[in-house]
Amino acid sequence: MPDDHASTTTLRWGALKVLGDDAVAFVQSQVSQDLEGDGAWPRWSALLDPDGTVVSAGVISVIEGGLEFVVPAATVETALARLNRFRLRARCTVTSESAVPGPYADRLDQIRDGWPGPEEFAARLVAQSYGGRFVERTVSFTKGCFTGQELVGRLDARASSVPWRLVRARGDSIEALHAFLRSTGPSGPSGPSGVTSWVRDGREFLALGFAHRTLLTESAPAGVAFEALP
């Protein structure tokens, strides 16, 4: 089972501020969304490791002197280290700030919307594991190269099915939801199946978690409802 902190309704946000002459060009080379094309701001984007797995995701805004990337607070330091690792000769600085407003008021809003949070990003899966809407909102396949692009682009081009999928589940018992999500396919060290975060929604629990793709065609037991995020 996930730790108790995954049940809190509070969702804290932090910011990565990239400032300097090369700020936009540097961030453009690192995140999965196109920051140079036409469109409204702020823009959702993901930050990937070189192997294509998601470090974090959030919204990018234009600020004086550069860009601000607002992500879940629990992922800020990891994302900061990841950006600085690739900054090299870019004429910009990357700093972090805590306690900033974010795109979701609390975890209930986030889970109801089917959007992954810090516990889900901790699984370090590829973007497609978080669902088609996540990919559509955060990834541009026309922007050119960015770190981590190869695997994400290959999965998209080949319409490949990923083994683990983010799901939203509802039921009377977190234990029952967790057991069901782990009931089909590999479990334990070989995969991230099970509940990752949850809240009370009225008299029920509403949760996000991961399930092996073989579970998606199964019927849920009494007291459990679930769906893969579209």
C-alpha atoms as a PDB file:
ATOM      1  CA  MET A   1       0.000   0.000   0.000  1.00  0.00           C
ATOM      2  CA  PRO A   2       1.134   3.605  -0.562  1.00  0.00           C
ATOM      3  CA  ASP A   3       2.177   5.745   2.401  1.00  0.00           C
ATOM      4  CA  ASP A   4      -0.439   7.667   4.357  1.00  0.00           C
ATOM      5  CA  HIS A   5       0.730  11.001   2.878  1.00  0.00           C
ATOM      6  CA  ALA A   6      -0.726   9.878  -0.457  1.00  0.00           C
ATOM      7  CA  SER A   7      -4.199  10.285   1.064  1.00  0.00           C
ATOM      8  CA  THR A   8      -3.895  13.966   2.004  1.00  0.00           C
ATOM      9  CA  THR A   9      -6.134  16.385   0.140  1.00  0.00           C
ATOM     10  CA  THR A  10      -3.372  19.006   0.026  1.00  0.00           C
ATOM     11  CA  LEU A  11      -1.397  19.236  -3.204  1.00  0.00           C
ATOM     12  CA  ARG A  12       1.607  21.550  -2.956  1.00  0.00           C
ATOM     13  CA  TRP A  13       3.283  23.165  -5.934  1.00  0.00           C
ATOM     14  CA  GLY A  14       6.737  24.538  -6.577  1.00  0.00           C
ATOM     15  CA  ALA A  15       8.311  26.461  -9.423  1.00  0.00           C
ATOM     16  CA  LEU A  16      11.432  26.139 -11.523  1.00  0.00           C
ATOM     17  CA  LYS A  17      12.519  29.560 -12.769  1.00  0.00           C
ATOM     18  CA  VAL A  18      14.778  29.655 -15.819  1.00  0.00           C
ATOM     19  CA  LEU A  19      16.191  33.120 -16.432  1.00  0.00           C
ATOM     20  CA  GLY A  20      18.720  34.478 -18.908  1.00  0.00           C
ATOM     21  CA  ASP A  21      19.429  35.057 -22.573  1.00  0.00           C
ATOM     22  CA  ASP A  22      19.137  31.362 -23.456  1.00  0.00           C
ATOM     23  CA  ALA A  23      16.225  30.551 -21.120  1.00  0.00           C
ATOM     24  CA  VAL A  24      13.605  29.836 -23.791  1.00  0.00           C
ATOM     25  CA  ALA A  25      15.985  27.983 -26.099  1.00  0.00           C
ATOM     26  CA  PHE A  26      17.269  25.834 -23.231  1.00  0.00           C
ATOM     27  CA  VAL A  27      13.832  24.906 -21.884  1.00  0.00           C
ATOM     28  CA  GLN A  28      12.614  24.247 -25.434  1.00  0.00           C
ATOM     29  CA  SER A  29      15.392  21.659 -25.811  1.00  0.00           C
ATOM     30  CA  GLN A  30      14.500  19.949 -22.536  1.00  0.00           C
ATOM     31  CA  VAL A  31      10.711  19.749 -22.198  1.00  0.00           C
ATOM     32  CA  SER A  32       8.283  17.793 -24.341  1.00  0.00           C
ATOM     33  CA  GLN A  33       5.975  20.666 -25.325  1.00  0.00           C
ATOM     34  CA  ASP A  34       6.624  23.204 -28.088  1.00  0.00           C
ATOM     35  CA  LEU A  35       7.256  26.604 -26.538  1.00  0.00           C
ATOM     36  CA  GLU A  36       7.923  28.464 -29.782  1.00  0.00           C
ATOM     37  CA  GLY A  37       4.725  27.838 -31.731  1.00  0.00           C
ATOM     38  CA  ASP A  38       1.533  29.838 -31.546  1.00  0.00           C
ATOM     39  CA  GLY A  39      -0.851  29.098 -28.714  1.00  0.00           C
ATOM     40  CA  ALA A  40      -2.067  30.249 -25.344  1.00  0.00           C
ATOM     41  CA  TRP A  41       0.005  30.434 -22.186  1.00  0.00           C
ATOM     42  CA  PRO A  42       0.518  28.802 -19.755  1.00  0.00           C
ATOM     43  CA  ARG A  43       1.307  25.518 -21.524  1.00  0.00           C
ATOM     44  CA  TRP A  44       1.320  22.049 -20.057  1.00  0.00           C
ATOM     45  CA  SER A  45       4.532  20.127 -20.559  1.00  0.00           C
ATOM     46  CA  ALA A  46       6.477  17.173 -19.221  1.00  0.00           C
ATOM     47  CA  LEU A  47      10.124  16.849 -18.294  1.00  0.00           C
ATOM     48  CA  LEU A  48      11.644  13.517 -19.295  1.00  0.00           C
ATOM     49  CA  ASP A  49      14.814  11.654 -18.483  1.00  0.00           C
ATOM     50  CA  PRO A  50      16.961  10.585 -21.454  1.00  0.00           C
ATOM     51  CA  ASP A  51      15.341   7.126 -21.364  1.00  0.00           C
ATOM     52  CA  GLY A  52      11.922   8.708 -22.016  1.00  0.00           C
ATOM     53  CA  THR A  53      10.473   8.274 -18.523  1.00  0.00           C
ATOM     54  CA  VAL A  54       8.567  11.178 -16.977  1.00  0.00           C
ATOM     55  CA  VAL A  55      10.315  13.114 -14.195  1.00  0.00           C
ATOM     56  CA  SER A  56       7.421  15.529 -13.669  1.00  0.00           C
ATOM     57  CA  ALA A  57       4.786  17.555 -15.491  1.00  0.00           C
ATOM     58  CA  GLY A  58       3.203  20.940 -14.984  1.00  0.00           C
ATOM     59  CA  VAL A  59       2.538  24.290 -16.595  1.00  0.00           C
ATOM     60  CA  ILE A  60       5.048  26.679 -18.148  1.00  0.00           C
ATOM     61  CA  SER A  61       4.480  30.438 -18.171  1.00  0.00           C
ATOM     62  CA  VAL A  62       6.394  33.372 -19.589  1.00  0.00           C
ATOM     63  CA  ILE A  63       7.831  35.633 -16.886  1.00  0.00           C
ATOM     64  CA  GLU A  64      10.153  38.621 -17.030  1.00  0.00           C
ATOM     65  CA  GLY A  65      13.559  37.414 -18.141  1.00  0.00           C
ATOM     66  CA  GLY A  66      12.575  33.848 -18.919  1.00  0.00           C
ATOM     67  CA  LEU A  67      10.153  31.062 -18.050  1.00  0.00           C
ATOM     68  CA  GLU A  68       8.516  29.557 -14.974  1.00  0.00           C
ATOM     69  CA  PHE A  69       7.688  25.843 -14.811  1.00  0.00           C
ATOM     70  CA  VAL A  70       5.179  25.010 -12.024  1.00  0.00           C
ATOM     71  CA  VAL A  71       5.276  21.342 -10.975  1.00  0.00           C
ATOM     72  CA  PRO A  72       4.212  19.317  -7.915  1.00  0.00           C
ATOM     73  CA  ALA A  73       6.402  20.420  -5.012  1.00  0.00           C
ATOM     74  CA  ALA A  74       7.544  16.876  -4.286  1.00  0.00           C
ATOM     75  CA  THR A  75       9.195  16.727  -7.720  1.00  0.00           C
ATOM     76  CA  VAL A  76      10.862  20.149  -7.716  1.00  0.00           C
ATOM     77  CA  GLU A  77      14.333  19.129  -6.515  1.00  0.00           C
ATOM     78  CA  THR A  78      14.523  16.139  -8.844  1.00  0.00           C
ATOM     79  CA  ALA A  79      13.390  18.285 -11.771  1.00  0.00           C
ATOM     80  CA  LEU A  80      15.861  21.018 -10.816  1.00  0.00           C
ATOM     81  CA  ALA A  81      18.739  18.535 -10.781  1.00  0.00           C
ATOM     82  CA  ARG A  82      17.593  17.085 -14.089  1.00  0.00           C
ATOM     83  CA  LEU A  83      17.540  20.520 -15.795  1.00  0.00           C
ATOM     84  CA  ASN A  84      20.870  21.605 -14.366  1.00  0.00           C
ATOM     85  CA  ARG A  85      22.474  18.346 -15.496  1.00  0.00           C
ATOM     86  CA  PHE A  86      21.867  19.356 -19.122  1.00  0.00           C
ATOM     87  CA  ARG A  87      22.328  23.132 -18.838  1.00  0.00           C
ATOM     88  CA  LEU A  88      26.029  23.016 -19.763  1.00  0.00           C
ATOM     89  CA  ARG A  89      26.945  26.231 -21.657  1.00  0.00           C
ATOM     90  CA  ALA A  90      23.440  27.704 -21.836  1.00  0.00           C
ATOM     91  CA  ARG A  91      23.391  31.320 -20.700  1.00  0.00           C
ATOM     92  CA  CYS A  92      20.685  30.941 -18.086  1.00  0.00           C
ATOM     93  CA  THR A  93      20.157  30.008 -14.471  1.00  0.00           C
ATOM     94  CA  VAL A  94      17.688  27.490 -13.038  1.00  0.00           C
ATOM     95  CA  THR A  95      16.400  28.012  -9.502  1.00  0.00           C
ATOM     96  CA  SER A  96      13.512  26.632  -7.484  1.00  0.00           C
ATOM     97  CA  GLU A  97      10.782  28.257  -5.421  1.00  0.00           C
ATOM     98  CA  SER A  98       8.340  26.625  -3.028  1.00  0.00           C
ATOM     99  CA  ALA A  99       4.711  27.290  -2.153  1.00  0.00           C
ATOM    100  CA  VAL A 100       3.368  28.701  -5.409  1.00  0.00           C
ATOM    101  CA  PRO A 101      -0.174  28.402  -6.828  1.00  0.00           C
ATOM    102  CA  GLY A 102      -0.729  25.417  -9.101  1.00  0.00           C
ATOM    103  CA  PRO A 103      -3.207  24.248 -11.730  1.00  0.00           C
ATOM    104  CA  TYR A 104      -5.238  22.145  -9.260  1.00  0.00           C
ATOM    105  CA  ALA A 105      -6.621  23.466  -5.994  1.00  0.00           C
ATOM    106  CA  ASP A 106      -6.274  20.136  -4.198  1.00  0.00           C
ATOM    107  CA  ARG A 107      -5.762  16.432  -4.741  1.00  0.00           C
ATOM    108  CA  LEU A 108      -9.481  15.722  -5.074  1.00  0.00           C
ATOM    109  CA  ASP A 109      -9.683  18.020  -8.116  1.00  0.00           C
ATOM    110  CA  GLN A 110      -6.566  16.402  -9.566  1.00  0.00           C
ATOM    111  CA  ILE A 111      -7.782  12.819  -9.124  1.00  0.00           C
ATOM    112  CA  ARG A 112     -11.273  13.641 -10.356  1.00  0.00           C
ATOM    113  CA  ASP A 113      -9.637  15.035 -13.488  1.00  0.00           C
ATOM    114  CA  GLY A 114      -7.555  11.885 -13.848  1.00  0.00           C
ATOM    115  CA  TRP A 115      -4.274  13.795 -13.762  1.00  0.00           C
ATOM    116  CA  PRO A 116      -1.111  12.242 -12.302  1.00  0.00           C
ATOM    117  CA  GLY A 117       0.575  13.774  -9.275  1.00  0.00           C
ATOM    118  CA  PRO A 118       3.915  13.270  -7.538  1.00  0.00           C
ATOM    119  CA  GLU A 119       3.220   9.694  -6.425  1.00  0.00           C
ATOM    120  CA  GLU A 120       2.376   8.732 -10.008  1.00  0.00           C
ATOM    121  CA  PHE A 121       5.479  10.441 -11.426  1.00  0.00           C
ATOM    122  CA  ALA A 122       7.582   8.527  -8.884  1.00  0.00           C
ATOM    123  CA  ALA A 123       6.870   5.382 -10.924  1.00  0.00           C
ATOM    124  CA  ARG A 124       9.078   6.827 -13.699  1.00  0.00           C
ATOM    125  CA  LEU A 125       7.042   5.506 -16.607  1.00  0.00           C
ATOM    126  CA  VAL A 126       6.866   6.752 -20.187  1.00  0.00           C
ATOM    127  CA  ALA A 127       4.305   9.422 -21.097  1.00  0.00           C
ATOM    128  CA  GLN A 128       1.964   6.933 -22.798  1.00  0.00           C
ATOM    129  CA  SER A 129       1.496   5.098 -19.486  1.00  0.00           C
ATOM    130  CA  TYR A 130      -0.350   8.165 -18.182  1.00  0.00           C
ATOM    131  CA  GLY A 131      -2.930   8.049 -20.975  1.00  0.00           C
ATOM    132  CA  GLY A 132      -3.636   9.684 -24.314  1.00  0.00           C
ATOM    133  CA  ARG A 133      -4.893  12.938 -22.806  1.00  0.00           C
ATOM    134  CA  PHE A 134      -1.653  13.337 -20.870  1.00  0.00           C
ATOM    135  CA  VAL A 135       0.347  12.842 -24.069  1.00  0.00           C
ATOM    136  CA  GLU A 136      -1.885  15.186 -26.063  1.00  0.00           C
ATOM    137  CA  ARG A 137      -1.598  17.924 -23.454  1.00  0.00           C
ATOM    138  CA  THR A 138       2.125  17.679 -22.695  1.00  0.00           C
ATOM    139  CA  VAL A 139       3.947  16.329 -25.778  1.00  0.00           C
ATOM    140  CA  SER A 140       4.591  17.870 -29.188  1.00  0.00           C
ATOM    141  CA  PHE A 141       5.641  15.460 -31.929  1.00  0.00           C
ATOM    142  CA  THR A 142       6.455  18.275 -34.357  1.00  0.00           C
ATOM    143  CA  LYS A 143       8.718  20.561 -32.316  1.00  0.00           C
ATOM    144  CA  GLY A 144      12.010  18.865 -33.076  1.00  0.00           C
ATOM    145  CA  CYS A 145      14.434  17.239 -30.678  1.00  0.00           C
ATOM    146  CA  PHE A 146      14.125  17.275 -26.901  1.00  0.00           C
ATOM    147  CA  THR A 147      15.662  15.122 -24.195  1.00  0.00           C
ATOM    148  CA  GLY A 148      13.817  11.810 -23.897  1.00  0.00           C
ATOM    149  CA  GLN A 149      12.095  12.170 -27.259  1.00  0.00           C
ATOM    150  CA  GLU A 150      13.264   8.932 -28.869  1.00  0.00           C
ATOM    151  CA  LEU A 151      11.210   6.394 -26.906  1.00  0.00           C
ATOM    152  CA  VAL A 152       8.095   8.579 -26.667  1.00  0.00           C
ATOM    153  CA  GLY A 153       8.204   9.246 -30.403  1.00  0.00           C
ATOM    154  CA  ARG A 154       8.796   5.603 -31.252  1.00  0.00           C
ATOM    155  CA  LEU A 155       5.844   4.459 -29.133  1.00  0.00           C
ATOM    156  CA  ASP A 156       3.614   7.033 -30.827  1.00  0.00           C
ATOM    157  CA  ALA A 157       4.766   6.162 -34.346  1.00  0.00           C
ATOM    158  CA  ARG A 158       4.238   2.437 -33.810  1.00  0.00           C
ATOM    159  CA  ALA A 159       1.036   2.776 -31.748  1.00  0.00           C
ATOM    160  CA  SER A 160       2.746   0.555 -29.194  1.00  0.00           C
ATOM    161  CA  SER A 161       0.863  -0.627 -26.140  1.00  0.00           C
ATOM    162  CA  VAL A 162       2.659   0.068 -22.863  1.00  0.00           C
ATOM    163  CA  PRO A 163       2.534  -2.597 -20.137  1.00  0.00           C
ATOM    164  CA  TRP A 164       1.457  -0.284 -17.305  1.00  0.00           C
ATOM    165  CA  ARG A 165      -1.438   2.173 -17.417  1.00  0.00           C
ATOM    166  CA  LEU A 166      -2.667   4.855 -15.072  1.00  0.00           C
ATOM    167  CA  VAL A 167      -6.195   4.103 -13.872  1.00  0.00           C
ATOM    168  CA  ARG A 168      -8.786   5.829 -11.718  1.00  0.00           C
ATOM    169  CA  ALA A 169     -10.646   3.630  -9.256  1.00  0.00           C
ATOM    170  CA  ARG A 170     -13.516   4.104  -6.821  1.00  0.00           C
ATOM    171  CA  GLY A 171     -14.704   1.917  -3.983  1.00  0.00           C
ATOM    172  CA  ASP A 172     -15.506   1.405  -0.319  1.00  0.00           C
ATOM    173  CA  SER A 173     -12.029   0.196   0.657  1.00  0.00           C
ATOM    174  CA  ILE A 174      -8.534   1.288  -0.338  1.00  0.00           C
ATOM    175  CA  GLU A 175      -7.307  -2.223   0.448  1.00  0.00           C
ATOM    176  CA  ALA A 176      -9.789  -3.706  -2.027  1.00  0.00           C
ATOM    177  CA  LEU A 177      -8.835  -1.187  -4.724  1.00  0.00           C
ATOM    178  CA  HIS A 178      -5.138  -1.853  -4.191  1.00  0.00           C
ATOM    179  CA  ALA A 179      -5.584  -5.633  -4.290  1.00  0.00           C
ATOM    180  CA  PHE A 180      -7.644  -5.479  -7.467  1.00  0.00           C
ATOM    181  CA  LEU A 181      -5.133  -3.297  -9.333  1.00  0.00           C
ATOM    182  CA  ARG A 182      -2.427  -5.809  -8.438  1.00  0.00           C
ATOM    183  CA  SER A 183      -4.481  -8.878  -9.327  1.00  0.00           C
ATOM    184  CA  THR A 184      -3.507  -9.346 -12.991  1.00  0.00           C
ATOM    185  CA  GLY A 185      -0.106  -9.279 -14.633  1.00  0.00           C
ATOM    186  CA  PRO A 186       3.291  -8.974 -12.963  1.00  0.00           C
ATOM    187  CA  SER A 187       3.398  -7.382  -9.527  1.00  0.00           C
ATOM    188  CA  GLY A 188       5.935  -6.418  -6.918  1.00  0.00           C
ATOM    189  CA  PRO A 189       9.416  -5.381  -8.093  1.00  0.00           C
ATOM    190  CA  SER A 190       8.583  -6.147 -11.727  1.00  0.00           C
ATOM    191  CA  GLY A 191       5.938  -3.448 -11.986  1.00  0.00           C
ATOM    192  CA  PRO A 192       4.250  -0.483 -10.270  1.00  0.00           C
ATOM    193  CA  SER A 193       0.724  -1.931  -9.966  1.00  0.00           C
ATOM    194  CA  GLY A 194      -1.552  -0.785  -7.166  1.00  0.00           C
ATOM    195  CA  VAL A 195      -2.973   2.394  -5.661  1.00  0.00           C
ATOM    196  CA  THR A 196      -0.593   5.351  -5.610  1.00  0.00           C
ATOM    197  CA  SER A 197      -2.749   8.202  -4.217  1.00  0.00           C
ATOM    198  CA  TRP A 198      -6.283   8.557  -2.943  1.00  0.00           C
ATOM    199  CA  VAL A 199      -8.824  10.820  -1.239  1.00  0.00           C
ATOM    200  CA  ARG A 200     -12.264  10.447   0.275  1.00  0.00           C
ATOM    201  CA  ASP A 201     -15.005  11.551  -2.100  1.00  0.00           C
ATOM    202  CA  GLY A 202     -18.218  11.509  -0.145  1.00  0.00           C
ATOM    203  CA  ARG A 203     -18.639   8.034   1.368  1.00  0.00           C
ATOM    204  CA  GLU A 204     -16.181   6.388  -1.034  1.00  0.00           C
ATOM    205  CA  PHE A 205     -12.495   6.422  -1.797  1.00  0.00           C
ATOM    206  CA  LEU A 206     -11.326   7.835  -5.107  1.00  0.00           C
ATOM    207  CA  ALA A 207      -7.873   6.713  -6.165  1.00  0.00           C
ATOM    208  CA  LEU A 208      -5.251   6.772  -8.862  1.00  0.00           C
ATOM    209  CA  GLY A 209      -2.979   3.833  -9.445  1.00  0.00           C
ATOM    210  CA  PHE A 210      -1.355   1.623 -12.028  1.00  0.00           C
ATOM    211  CA  ALA A 211      -2.566  -1.632 -13.510  1.00  0.00           C
ATOM    212  CA  HIS A 212      -1.040  -4.049 -15.956  1.00  0.00           C
ATOM    213  CA  ARG A 213      -2.691  -3.805 -19.374  1.00  0.00           C
ATOM    214  CA  THR A 214      -4.049  -7.344 -18.985  1.00  0.00           C
ATOM    215  CA  LEU A 215      -6.343  -6.072 -16.216  1.00  0.00           C
ATOM    216  CA  LEU A 216      -8.069  -3.534 -18.448  1.00  0.00           C
ATOM    217  CA  THR A 217     -10.319  -6.149 -20.036  1.00  0.00           C
ATOM    218  CA  GLU A 218     -11.284  -7.733 -16.697  1.00  0.00           C
ATOM    219  CA  SER A 219     -14.478  -7.096 -14.735  1.00  0.00           C
ATOM    220  CA  ALA A 220     -14.105  -5.440 -11.350  1.00  0.00           C
ATOM    221  CA  PRO A 221     -15.439  -7.197  -8.243  1.00  0.00           C
ATOM    222  CA  ALA A 222     -18.391  -5.855  -6.268  1.00  0.00           C
ATOM    223  CA  GLY A 223     -17.589  -2.568  -4.573  1.00  0.00           C
ATOM    224  CA  VAL A 224     -14.877  -1.615  -7.076  1.00  0.00           C
ATOM    225  CA  ALA A 225     -15.165   0.553 -10.187  1.00  0.00           C
ATOM    226  CA  PHE A 226     -12.203   1.497 -12.343  1.00  0.00           C
ATOM    227  CA  GLU A 227     -11.229   2.929 -15.718  1.00  0.00           C
ATOM    228  CA  ALA A 228      -8.003   3.455 -17.613  1.00  0.00           C
ATOM    229  CA  LEU A 229      -7.388   7.128 -18.153  1.00  0.00           C
ATOM    230  CA  PRO A 230      -8.156   8.018 -21.778  1.00  0.00           C
END
